[in-house]
Amino acid sequence: MLTREDILTHIPHQGKSCLLDSCDAWTADTLTAQTSAHLRADNPLRYQDKLGVIVGAEMAMQAAALHGALTGDQDAKTGGYLASLRDLVATCDRLDQADYGVLNIFVHREQHDLAGMVYSFSVSTQQGASLLKGRGMVMFRARTPVGVASA
């Protein structure tokens, strides 16, 4: 089990921008994390005092970043960025509902190559009801070859 403090040592999202509280399991291709960040009044992704369901995709992609770091993926450690979200299915319009309890985030790495990774993900309530599902593509930052100056 990883605590929030452990997670902060593995992903670039720091302070309030880190939306994960714990991680209870991971394999070579999957990771399960938990969060209550959707209930925090100081969540930096709130807009007009609401937290839209799309923030669940950010939570999931932070879990994907954590998975890459935990599985020792050297490409993931060089840094990456979210290039696209696909196949989104939302069953609510906002996440900031106390009756959801702690949110469960599940990510599954479907594809990985030198250019990036594709993860499917789901965000569900503490009781197991689905809130958001989809897929995200992470592209790795281009590496500067040895001996070549970057602009």
N, C-alpha and C. Protein backbone atom coordinates (compact mmCIF):
# COMPACT_ATOMS: atom_id res chain seq x y z
N MET A 1 0.85 -1.18 0.00
CA MET A 1 0.00 0.00 0.00
C MET A 1 0.89 1.24 0.00
N LEU A 2 0.58 2.17 -0.89
CA LEU A 2 1.30 3.44 -0.94
C LEU A 2 0.42 4.55 -0.37
N THR A 3 1.01 5.38 0.44
CA THR A 3 0.32 6.54 1.00
C THR A 3 0.48 7.73 0.05
N ARG A 4 -0.21 8.80 0.35
CA ARG A 4 -0.07 10.03 -0.45
C ARG A 4 1.39 10.48 -0.48
N GLU A 5 2.07 10.41 0.64
CA GLU A 5 3.47 10.82 0.70
C GLU A 5 4.33 9.97 -0.23
N ASP A 6 4.07 8.68 -0.28
CA ASP A 6 4.78 7.80 -1.20
C ASP A 6 4.49 8.19 -2.65
N ILE A 7 3.23 8.45 -2.96
CA ILE A 7 2.83 8.81 -4.32
C ILE A 7 3.54 10.08 -4.76
N LEU A 8 3.64 11.05 -3.88
CA LEU A 8 4.29 12.33 -4.21
C LEU A 8 5.74 12.16 -4.63
N THR A 9 6.38 11.09 -4.21
CA THR A 9 7.77 10.86 -4.61
C THR A 9 7.88 10.25 -6.01
N HIS A 10 6.74 9.84 -6.58
CA HIS A 10 6.75 9.14 -7.87
C HIS A 10 6.16 9.92 -9.04
N ILE A 11 5.33 10.91 -8.78
CA ILE A 11 4.68 11.61 -9.89
C ILE A 11 5.01 13.10 -9.84
N PRO A 12 4.91 13.79 -10.97
CA PRO A 12 5.24 15.21 -11.00
C PRO A 12 4.18 16.10 -10.35
N HIS A 13 2.98 15.61 -10.16
CA HIS A 13 1.89 16.40 -9.57
C HIS A 13 2.15 16.53 -8.08
N GLN A 14 2.30 17.76 -7.63
CA GLN A 14 2.66 17.99 -6.23
C GLN A 14 1.62 18.86 -5.53
N GLY A 15 1.69 18.86 -4.19
CA GLY A 15 0.77 19.68 -3.41
C GLY A 15 -0.68 19.32 -3.70
N LYS A 16 -1.52 20.34 -3.78
CA LYS A 16 -2.94 20.13 -4.04
C LYS A 16 -3.20 19.58 -5.44
N SER A 17 -2.22 19.71 -6.33
CA SER A 17 -2.40 19.19 -7.70
C SER A 17 -2.35 17.67 -7.76
N CYS A 18 -1.78 17.03 -6.75
CA CYS A 18 -1.80 15.57 -6.68
C CYS A 18 -3.19 15.16 -6.20
N LEU A 19 -3.90 14.42 -7.03
CA LEU A 19 -5.28 14.06 -6.73
C LEU A 19 -5.44 12.64 -6.19
N LEU A 20 -4.34 11.96 -5.91
CA LEU A 20 -4.40 10.59 -5.40
C LEU A 20 -4.04 10.55 -3.92
N ASP A 21 -4.76 9.74 -3.17
CA ASP A 21 -4.50 9.61 -1.73
C ASP A 21 -3.76 8.32 -1.38
N SER A 22 -4.03 7.26 -2.12
CA SER A 22 -3.39 5.98 -1.82
C SER A 22 -3.44 5.08 -3.05
N CYS A 23 -2.62 4.06 -3.00
CA CYS A 23 -2.59 3.03 -4.04
C CYS A 23 -2.48 1.70 -3.31
N ASP A 24 -3.44 0.82 -3.56
CA ASP A 24 -3.42 -0.43 -2.81
C ASP A 24 -2.94 -1.64 -3.61
N ALA A 25 -2.80 -1.50 -4.95
CA ALA A 25 -2.34 -2.65 -5.72
C ALA A 25 -1.87 -2.23 -7.10
N TRP A 26 -0.87 -2.94 -7.61
CA TRP A 26 -0.45 -2.76 -8.99
C TRP A 26 0.22 -4.03 -9.48
N THR A 27 0.12 -4.22 -10.80
CA THR A 27 0.79 -5.33 -11.48
C THR A 27 1.58 -4.71 -12.63
N ALA A 28 2.11 -5.53 -13.50
CA ALA A 28 2.85 -5.02 -14.65
C ALA A 28 1.97 -4.17 -15.56
N ASP A 29 0.65 -4.41 -15.57
CA ASP A 29 -0.24 -3.71 -16.48
C ASP A 29 -1.38 -2.94 -15.82
N THR A 30 -1.58 -3.07 -14.52
CA THR A 30 -2.73 -2.44 -13.87
C THR A 30 -2.33 -1.73 -12.57
N LEU A 31 -3.20 -0.84 -12.14
CA LEU A 31 -3.01 -0.16 -10.85
C LEU A 31 -4.38 0.25 -10.33
N THR A 32 -4.55 0.15 -9.02
CA THR A 32 -5.76 0.60 -8.35
C THR A 32 -5.37 1.64 -7.31
N ALA A 33 -6.04 2.80 -7.37
CA ALA A 33 -5.76 3.90 -6.44
C ALA A 33 -7.07 4.41 -5.85
N GLN A 34 -6.95 5.21 -4.81
CA GLN A 34 -8.11 5.77 -4.14
C GLN A 34 -7.89 7.27 -3.93
N THR A 35 -9.01 8.00 -3.85
CA THR A 35 -8.92 9.43 -3.58
C THR A 35 -10.19 9.96 -2.92
N SER A 36 -10.01 10.99 -2.14
CA SER A 36 -11.13 11.78 -1.62
C SER A 36 -10.94 13.24 -2.04
N ALA A 37 -10.06 13.48 -3.02
CA ALA A 37 -9.78 14.84 -3.50
C ALA A 37 -11.02 15.50 -4.07
N HIS A 38 -11.98 14.71 -4.53
CA HIS A 38 -13.21 15.27 -5.09
C HIS A 38 -14.06 15.97 -4.05
N LEU A 39 -13.80 15.71 -2.78
CA LEU A 39 -14.56 16.32 -1.70
C LEU A 39 -13.87 17.52 -1.07
N ARG A 40 -12.64 17.78 -1.46
CA ARG A 40 -11.88 18.88 -0.86
C ARG A 40 -12.27 20.23 -1.47
N ALA A 41 -12.60 21.17 -0.60
CA ALA A 41 -12.98 22.52 -1.06
C ALA A 41 -11.83 23.21 -1.77
N ASP A 42 -10.59 22.83 -1.44
CA ASP A 42 -9.42 23.49 -2.05
C ASP A 42 -8.89 22.73 -3.27
N ASN A 43 -9.67 21.83 -3.83
CA ASN A 43 -9.25 21.12 -5.04
C ASN A 43 -9.01 22.15 -6.14
N PRO A 44 -7.81 22.20 -6.71
CA PRO A 44 -7.49 23.25 -7.69
C PRO A 44 -8.25 23.12 -9.01
N LEU A 45 -8.94 22.02 -9.23
CA LEU A 45 -9.68 21.84 -10.48
C LEU A 45 -11.17 22.17 -10.35
N ARG A 46 -11.55 22.68 -9.19
CA ARG A 46 -12.94 23.14 -9.03
C ARG A 46 -13.16 24.37 -9.90
N TYR A 47 -14.35 24.46 -10.45
CA TYR A 47 -14.74 25.63 -11.24
C TYR A 47 -16.12 26.05 -10.79
N GLN A 48 -16.25 27.29 -10.37
CA GLN A 48 -17.51 27.82 -9.85
C GLN A 48 -18.06 26.91 -8.75
N ASP A 49 -17.17 26.52 -7.85
CA ASP A 49 -17.48 25.68 -6.69
C ASP A 49 -18.03 24.30 -7.05
N LYS A 50 -17.71 23.81 -8.25
CA LYS A 50 -18.13 22.48 -8.67
C LYS A 50 -16.93 21.72 -9.21
N LEU A 51 -17.00 20.41 -9.14
CA LEU A 51 -15.95 19.56 -9.69
C LEU A 51 -16.57 18.66 -10.75
N GLY A 52 -16.34 19.02 -12.00
CA GLY A 52 -16.91 18.27 -13.11
C GLY A 52 -16.39 16.86 -13.21
N VAL A 53 -17.16 16.00 -13.85
CA VAL A 53 -16.81 14.59 -13.98
C VAL A 53 -15.52 14.40 -14.77
N ILE A 54 -15.19 15.32 -15.68
CA ILE A 54 -13.97 15.17 -16.49
C ILE A 54 -12.71 15.17 -15.62
N VAL A 55 -12.80 15.72 -14.41
CA VAL A 55 -11.66 15.69 -13.50
C VAL A 55 -11.29 14.23 -13.17
N GLY A 56 -12.25 13.33 -13.28
CA GLY A 56 -11.95 11.92 -13.07
C GLY A 56 -10.91 11.41 -14.05
N ALA A 57 -10.90 11.97 -15.27
CA ALA A 57 -9.88 11.57 -16.24
C ALA A 57 -8.50 12.02 -15.78
N GLU A 58 -8.41 13.21 -15.18
CA GLU A 58 -7.12 13.67 -14.64
C GLU A 58 -6.68 12.77 -13.50
N MET A 59 -7.59 12.38 -12.64
CA MET A 59 -7.25 11.45 -11.56
C MET A 59 -6.71 10.14 -12.14
N ALA A 60 -7.39 9.64 -13.15
CA ALA A 60 -6.98 8.38 -13.76
C ALA A 60 -5.62 8.49 -14.43
N MET A 61 -5.36 9.59 -15.10
CA MET A 61 -4.08 9.72 -15.78
C MET A 61 -2.95 9.96 -14.78
N GLN A 62 -3.24 10.54 -13.62
CA GLN A 62 -2.23 10.58 -12.56
C GLN A 62 -1.94 9.16 -12.08
N ALA A 63 -2.98 8.33 -11.99
CA ALA A 63 -2.76 6.93 -11.62
C ALA A 63 -1.92 6.22 -12.68
N ALA A 64 -2.14 6.56 -13.95
CA ALA A 64 -1.33 5.98 -15.03
C ALA A 64 0.13 6.42 -14.89
N ALA A 65 0.36 7.68 -14.55
CA ALA A 65 1.72 8.18 -14.34
C ALA A 65 2.38 7.43 -13.17
N LEU A 66 1.62 7.21 -12.12
CA LEU A 66 2.13 6.46 -10.97
C LEU A 66 2.47 5.03 -11.40
N HIS A 67 1.60 4.43 -12.19
CA HIS A 67 1.86 3.06 -12.67
C HIS A 67 3.16 3.00 -13.46
N GLY A 68 3.36 3.96 -14.37
CA GLY A 68 4.59 3.98 -15.15
C GLY A 68 5.82 4.08 -14.27
N ALA A 69 5.74 4.93 -13.25
CA ALA A 69 6.88 5.09 -12.34
C ALA A 69 7.12 3.83 -11.51
N LEU A 70 6.06 3.21 -11.02
CA LEU A 70 6.20 2.02 -10.17
C LEU A 70 6.68 0.80 -10.94
N THR A 71 6.36 0.72 -12.20
CA THR A 71 6.77 -0.44 -12.98
C THR A 71 8.13 -0.24 -13.63
N GLY A 72 8.78 0.88 -13.31
CA GLY A 72 10.15 1.09 -13.77
C GLY A 72 10.27 1.47 -15.21
N ASP A 73 9.21 1.99 -15.80
CA ASP A 73 9.24 2.37 -17.21
C ASP A 73 10.14 3.59 -17.39
N GLN A 74 11.28 3.40 -18.00
CA GLN A 74 12.25 4.47 -18.18
C GLN A 74 11.72 5.59 -19.07
N ASP A 75 10.92 5.24 -20.08
CA ASP A 75 10.34 6.27 -20.93
C ASP A 75 9.39 7.15 -20.13
N ALA A 76 8.61 6.56 -19.25
CA ALA A 76 7.67 7.32 -18.43
C ALA A 76 8.42 8.28 -17.51
N LYS A 77 9.60 7.88 -17.05
CA LYS A 77 10.36 8.73 -16.14
C LYS A 77 10.95 9.95 -16.82
N THR A 78 11.03 9.95 -18.16
CA THR A 78 11.55 11.12 -18.87
C THR A 78 10.49 12.20 -18.98
N GLY A 79 9.27 11.87 -18.67
CA GLY A 79 8.19 12.84 -18.72
C GLY A 79 7.30 12.62 -19.91
N GLY A 80 6.06 12.92 -19.73
CA GLY A 80 5.10 12.75 -20.80
C GLY A 80 3.97 13.74 -20.63
N TYR A 81 3.05 13.69 -21.56
CA TYR A 81 1.90 14.57 -21.49
C TYR A 81 0.68 13.84 -22.04
N LEU A 82 -0.48 14.24 -21.56
CA LEU A 82 -1.71 13.65 -22.02
C LEU A 82 -1.99 14.17 -23.42
N ALA A 83 -2.03 13.28 -24.40
CA ALA A 83 -2.24 13.68 -25.78
C ALA A 83 -3.71 13.58 -26.19
N SER A 84 -4.44 12.62 -25.62
CA SER A 84 -5.85 12.51 -26.00
C SER A 84 -6.63 11.69 -24.98
N LEU A 85 -7.91 11.95 -24.94
CA LEU A 85 -8.87 11.14 -24.20
C LEU A 85 -9.86 10.61 -25.22
N ARG A 86 -10.24 9.35 -25.08
CA ARG A 86 -11.16 8.72 -26.04
C ARG A 86 -12.18 7.87 -25.29
N ASP A 87 -13.26 7.59 -25.99
CA ASP A 87 -14.27 6.63 -25.52
C ASP A 87 -14.79 6.96 -24.12
N LEU A 88 -14.93 8.25 -23.81
CA LEU A 88 -15.40 8.64 -22.48
C LEU A 88 -16.88 8.31 -22.31
N VAL A 89 -17.20 7.70 -21.18
CA VAL A 89 -18.57 7.40 -20.82
C VAL A 89 -18.75 7.87 -19.38
N ALA A 90 -19.56 8.91 -19.19
CA ALA A 90 -19.82 9.46 -17.86
C ALA A 90 -21.24 9.13 -17.45
N THR A 91 -21.42 8.79 -16.19
CA THR A 91 -22.76 8.50 -15.68
C THR A 91 -23.23 9.55 -14.69
N CYS A 92 -22.47 10.65 -14.59
CA CYS A 92 -22.83 11.77 -13.73
C CYS A 92 -22.26 13.03 -14.36
N ASP A 93 -22.61 14.19 -13.83
CA ASP A 93 -22.05 15.42 -14.38
C ASP A 93 -21.02 16.06 -13.46
N ARG A 94 -20.96 15.60 -12.21
CA ARG A 94 -19.98 16.14 -11.28
C ARG A 94 -19.56 15.08 -10.26
N LEU A 95 -18.34 15.28 -9.74
CA LEU A 95 -17.77 14.30 -8.80
C LEU A 95 -17.92 14.69 -7.33
N ASP A 96 -18.18 15.95 -7.06
CA ASP A 96 -18.14 16.44 -5.68
C ASP A 96 -19.42 16.12 -4.90
N GLN A 97 -19.71 14.84 -4.81
CA GLN A 97 -20.88 14.35 -4.08
C GLN A 97 -20.42 13.49 -2.91
N ALA A 98 -20.76 13.90 -1.70
CA ALA A 98 -20.30 13.19 -0.50
C ALA A 98 -20.75 11.74 -0.48
N ASP A 99 -21.93 11.45 -1.05
CA ASP A 99 -22.41 10.07 -0.99
C ASP A 99 -21.62 9.12 -1.88
N TYR A 100 -20.72 9.63 -2.72
CA TYR A 100 -19.85 8.75 -3.50
C TYR A 100 -18.78 8.10 -2.63
N GLY A 101 -18.48 8.71 -1.49
CA GLY A 101 -17.43 8.20 -0.62
C GLY A 101 -16.07 8.33 -1.29
N VAL A 102 -15.14 7.48 -0.91
CA VAL A 102 -13.81 7.47 -1.51
C VAL A 102 -13.94 6.93 -2.93
N LEU A 103 -13.32 7.61 -3.89
CA LEU A 103 -13.38 7.15 -5.27
C LEU A 103 -12.30 6.11 -5.51
N ASN A 104 -12.65 5.09 -6.28
CA ASN A 104 -11.71 4.05 -6.70
C ASN A 104 -11.34 4.30 -8.14
N ILE A 105 -10.05 4.26 -8.42
CA ILE A 105 -9.53 4.51 -9.76
C ILE A 105 -8.78 3.27 -10.21
N PHE A 106 -9.13 2.77 -11.38
CA PHE A 106 -8.47 1.60 -11.93
C PHE A 106 -7.92 1.96 -13.30
N VAL A 107 -6.65 1.66 -13.54
CA VAL A 107 -6.05 1.89 -14.85
C VAL A 107 -5.44 0.59 -15.36
N HIS A 108 -5.53 0.42 -16.68
CA HIS A 108 -4.97 -0.76 -17.33
C HIS A 108 -4.17 -0.30 -18.55
N ARG A 109 -2.88 -0.62 -18.56
CA ARG A 109 -2.04 -0.26 -19.69
C ARG A 109 -2.33 -1.22 -20.83
N GLU A 110 -2.87 -0.68 -21.92
CA GLU A 110 -3.23 -1.49 -23.08
C GLU A 110 -2.12 -1.57 -24.11
N GLN A 111 -1.33 -0.51 -24.19
CA GLN A 111 -0.31 -0.45 -25.23
C GLN A 111 0.84 0.41 -24.73
N HIS A 112 2.05 0.04 -25.17
CA HIS A 112 3.24 0.78 -24.76
C HIS A 112 4.28 0.64 -25.86
N ASP A 113 4.84 1.76 -26.29
CA ASP A 113 5.98 1.73 -27.20
C ASP A 113 6.86 2.93 -26.91
N LEU A 114 7.85 3.18 -27.74
CA LEU A 114 8.79 4.28 -27.48
C LEU A 114 8.13 5.65 -27.54
N ALA A 115 7.01 5.76 -28.24
CA ALA A 115 6.34 7.06 -28.37
C ALA A 115 5.41 7.37 -27.20
N GLY A 116 4.85 6.34 -26.58
CA GLY A 116 3.92 6.60 -25.49
C GLY A 116 3.19 5.36 -25.03
N MET A 117 2.09 5.60 -24.29
CA MET A 117 1.30 4.52 -23.72
C MET A 117 -0.18 4.85 -23.85
N VAL A 118 -0.99 3.81 -23.89
CA VAL A 118 -2.44 3.96 -23.88
C VAL A 118 -2.96 3.21 -22.65
N TYR A 119 -3.78 3.90 -21.86
CA TYR A 119 -4.39 3.32 -20.68
C TYR A 119 -5.91 3.39 -20.80
N SER A 120 -6.58 2.31 -20.46
CA SER A 120 -8.02 2.39 -20.22
C SER A 120 -8.17 2.66 -18.73
N PHE A 121 -9.28 3.29 -18.36
CA PHE A 121 -9.46 3.63 -16.96
C PHE A 121 -10.92 3.62 -16.58
N SER A 122 -11.14 3.51 -15.28
CA SER A 122 -12.48 3.67 -14.72
C SER A 122 -12.36 4.35 -13.36
N VAL A 123 -13.36 5.17 -13.09
CA VAL A 123 -13.48 5.84 -11.80
C VAL A 123 -14.84 5.45 -11.25
N SER A 124 -14.87 4.93 -10.04
CA SER A 124 -16.13 4.47 -9.45
C SER A 124 -16.27 4.93 -8.02
N THR A 125 -17.49 4.87 -7.52
CA THR A 125 -17.77 5.24 -6.14
C THR A 125 -17.22 4.18 -5.20
N GLN A 126 -17.23 4.50 -3.93
CA GLN A 126 -16.79 3.55 -2.91
C GLN A 126 -17.66 2.29 -2.94
N GLN A 127 -18.91 2.46 -3.33
CA GLN A 127 -19.83 1.33 -3.39
C GLN A 127 -19.70 0.54 -4.70
N GLY A 128 -18.89 1.04 -5.65
CA GLY A 128 -18.65 0.33 -6.90
C GLY A 128 -19.41 0.83 -8.11
N ALA A 129 -20.23 1.86 -7.97
CA ALA A 129 -20.97 2.39 -9.11
C ALA A 129 -20.02 3.17 -10.04
N SER A 130 -20.11 2.91 -11.32
CA SER A 130 -19.25 3.57 -12.30
C SER A 130 -19.63 5.04 -12.46
N LEU A 131 -18.62 5.91 -12.48
CA LEU A 131 -18.83 7.35 -12.71
C LEU A 131 -18.27 7.79 -14.05
N LEU A 132 -17.11 7.24 -14.41
CA LEU A 132 -16.45 7.63 -15.65
C LEU A 132 -15.56 6.48 -16.12
N LYS A 133 -15.60 6.23 -17.43
CA LYS A 133 -14.71 5.26 -18.06
C LYS A 133 -14.16 5.90 -19.31
N GLY A 134 -13.00 5.43 -19.74
CA GLY A 134 -12.44 5.94 -20.97
C GLY A 134 -11.05 5.40 -21.21
N ARG A 135 -10.38 6.07 -22.14
CA ARG A 135 -9.01 5.72 -22.48
C ARG A 135 -8.22 7.00 -22.64
N GLY A 136 -6.96 6.96 -22.23
CA GLY A 136 -6.08 8.11 -22.37
C GLY A 136 -4.77 7.71 -23.00
N MET A 137 -4.27 8.59 -23.87
CA MET A 137 -2.98 8.35 -24.51
C MET A 137 -1.96 9.33 -23.94
N VAL A 138 -0.86 8.79 -23.48
CA VAL A 138 0.25 9.59 -22.97
C VAL A 138 1.38 9.51 -23.98
N MET A 139 1.86 10.66 -24.41
CA MET A 139 3.00 10.71 -25.32
C MET A 139 4.23 11.12 -24.50
N PHE A 140 5.35 10.47 -24.78
CA PHE A 140 6.58 10.82 -24.08
C PHE A 140 7.22 12.02 -24.74
N ARG A 141 7.91 12.80 -23.93
CA ARG A 141 8.64 13.96 -24.45
C ARG A 141 9.79 13.44 -25.31
N ALA A 142 10.05 14.12 -26.39
CA ALA A 142 11.15 13.73 -27.26
C ALA A 142 12.46 13.88 -26.51
N ARG A 143 13.30 12.90 -26.67
CA ARG A 143 14.62 12.96 -26.05
C ARG A 143 15.58 13.63 -27.01
N THR A 144 16.51 14.39 -26.47
CA THR A 144 17.56 15.00 -27.28
C THR A 144 18.69 14.00 -27.38
N PRO A 145 19.05 13.59 -28.60
CA PRO A 145 20.16 12.64 -28.74
C PRO A 145 21.45 13.20 -28.13
N VAL A 146 22.29 12.33 -27.63
CA VAL A 146 23.55 12.72 -27.04
C VAL A 146 24.38 13.50 -28.08
N GLY A 147 24.91 14.62 -27.67
CA GLY A 147 25.74 15.43 -28.56
C GLY A 147 24.97 16.43 -29.40
N VAL A 148 23.65 16.46 -29.25
CA VAL A 148 22.83 17.40 -30.02
C VAL A 148 22.27 18.43 -29.05
N ALA A 149 22.49 19.69 -29.36
CA ALA A 149 21.98 20.77 -28.50
C ALA A 149 20.50 20.95 -28.76
N SER A 150 19.75 21.19 -27.68
CA SER A 150 18.31 21.45 -27.84
C SER A 150 18.10 22.95 -27.97
N ALA A 151 17.01 23.32 -28.62
CA ALA A 151 16.71 24.74 -28.84
C ALA A 151 16.14 25.38 -27.61
